[in-house]
Amino acid sequence: MSPTYAFFAHFAQTWGLVYFVALFVVVLAYALWPSRQKEFDESARVPLRED
């Protein structure tokens, strides 16, 4: 295994994990933000509406 490959593999594993954890936190905060609750509740009722 070349040192270049090892460096990039380590870099991708470390910062890839940091990136995906940060992305998960942002999406979770967006979904659970109190001001979004009405919008999500309304969207949840869309399939139950009769047009």
C-alpha atoms as a PDB file:
ATOM      1  CA  MET A   1       0.000   0.000   0.000  1.00  0.00           C
ATOM      2  CA  SER A   2       1.476   3.321  -1.033  1.00  0.00           C
ATOM      3  CA  PRO A   3       1.817   6.179   1.453  1.00  0.00           C
ATOM      4  CA  THR A   4      -0.335   8.378  -0.779  1.00  0.00           C
ATOM      5  CA  TYR A   5      -3.180   5.873  -0.753  1.00  0.00           C
ATOM      6  CA  ALA A   6      -2.895   5.444   3.015  1.00  0.00           C
ATOM      7  CA  PHE A   7      -3.001   9.214   3.528  1.00  0.00           C
ATOM      8  CA  PHE A   8      -6.078   9.709   1.364  1.00  0.00           C
ATOM      9  CA  ALA A   9      -7.829   6.676   2.858  1.00  0.00           C
ATOM     10  CA  HIS A  10      -7.239   7.996   6.370  1.00  0.00           C
ATOM     11  CA  PHE A  11      -8.298  11.514   5.328  1.00  0.00           C
ATOM     12  CA  ALA A  12     -11.520  10.252   3.714  1.00  0.00           C
ATOM     13  CA  GLN A  13     -12.422   8.065   6.675  1.00  0.00           C
ATOM     14  CA  THR A  14     -11.833  10.789   9.239  1.00  0.00           C
ATOM     15  CA  TRP A  15     -13.292  13.814   7.485  1.00  0.00           C
ATOM     16  CA  GLY A  16     -15.988  11.809   5.739  1.00  0.00           C
ATOM     17  CA  LEU A  17     -17.281  10.743   9.137  1.00  0.00           C
ATOM     18  CA  VAL A  18     -17.141  14.321  10.419  1.00  0.00           C
ATOM     19  CA  TYR A  19     -18.967  15.532   7.304  1.00  0.00           C
ATOM     20  CA  PHE A  20     -21.783  12.983   7.580  1.00  0.00           C
ATOM     21  CA  VAL A  21     -22.235  13.520  11.321  1.00  0.00           C
ATOM     22  CA  ALA A  22     -22.474  17.287  10.747  1.00  0.00           C
ATOM     23  CA  LEU A  23     -24.928  16.752   7.893  1.00  0.00           C
ATOM     24  CA  PHE A  24     -27.032  14.468  10.102  1.00  0.00           C
ATOM     25  CA  VAL A  25     -27.121  17.083  12.873  1.00  0.00           C
ATOM     26  CA  VAL A  26     -28.207  19.796  10.418  1.00  0.00           C
ATOM     27  CA  VAL A  27     -30.994  17.640   8.960  1.00  0.00           C
ATOM     28  CA  LEU A  28     -32.138  16.601  12.421  1.00  0.00           C
ATOM     29  CA  ALA A  29     -32.215  20.225  13.603  1.00  0.00           C
ATOM     30  CA  TYR A  30     -34.208  21.197  10.497  1.00  0.00           C
ATOM     31  CA  ALA A  31     -36.732  18.415  11.052  1.00  0.00           C
ATOM     32  CA  LEU A  32     -37.182  19.095  14.760  1.00  0.00           C
ATOM     33  CA  TRP A  33     -37.150  22.900  14.681  1.00  0.00           C
ATOM     34  CA  PRO A  34     -40.314  24.118  16.438  1.00  0.00           C
ATOM     35  CA  SER A  35     -41.343  26.560  13.709  1.00  0.00           C
ATOM     36  CA  ARG A  36     -41.442  23.729  11.161  1.00  0.00           C
ATOM     37  CA  GLN A  37     -43.915  21.606  13.130  1.00  0.00           C
ATOM     38  CA  LYS A  38     -47.028  23.126  11.546  1.00  0.00           C
ATOM     39  CA  GLU A  39     -45.634  22.621   8.045  1.00  0.00           C
ATOM     40  CA  PHE A  40     -44.770  18.973   8.724  1.00  0.00           C
ATOM     41  CA  ASP A  41     -48.117  18.275  10.422  1.00  0.00           C
ATOM     42  CA  GLU A  42     -49.923  19.687   7.408  1.00  0.00           C
ATOM     43  CA  SER A  43     -47.797  17.608   5.026  1.00  0.00           C
ATOM     44  CA  ALA A  44     -48.519  14.481   7.083  1.00  0.00           C
ATOM     45  CA  ARG A  45     -52.263  14.961   6.550  1.00  0.00           C
ATOM     46  CA  VAL A  46     -52.038  15.311   2.735  1.00  0.00           C
ATOM     47  CA  PRO A  47     -52.674  11.593   1.989  1.00  0.00           C
ATOM     48  CA  LEU A  48     -55.801  11.647   4.167  1.00  0.00           C
ATOM     49  CA  ARG A  49     -57.477  14.513   2.361  1.00  0.00           C
ATOM     50  CA  GLU A  50     -60.315  13.814  -0.022  1.00  0.00           C
ATOM     51  CA  ASP A  51     -60.275  16.066  -3.043  1.00  0.00           C
END
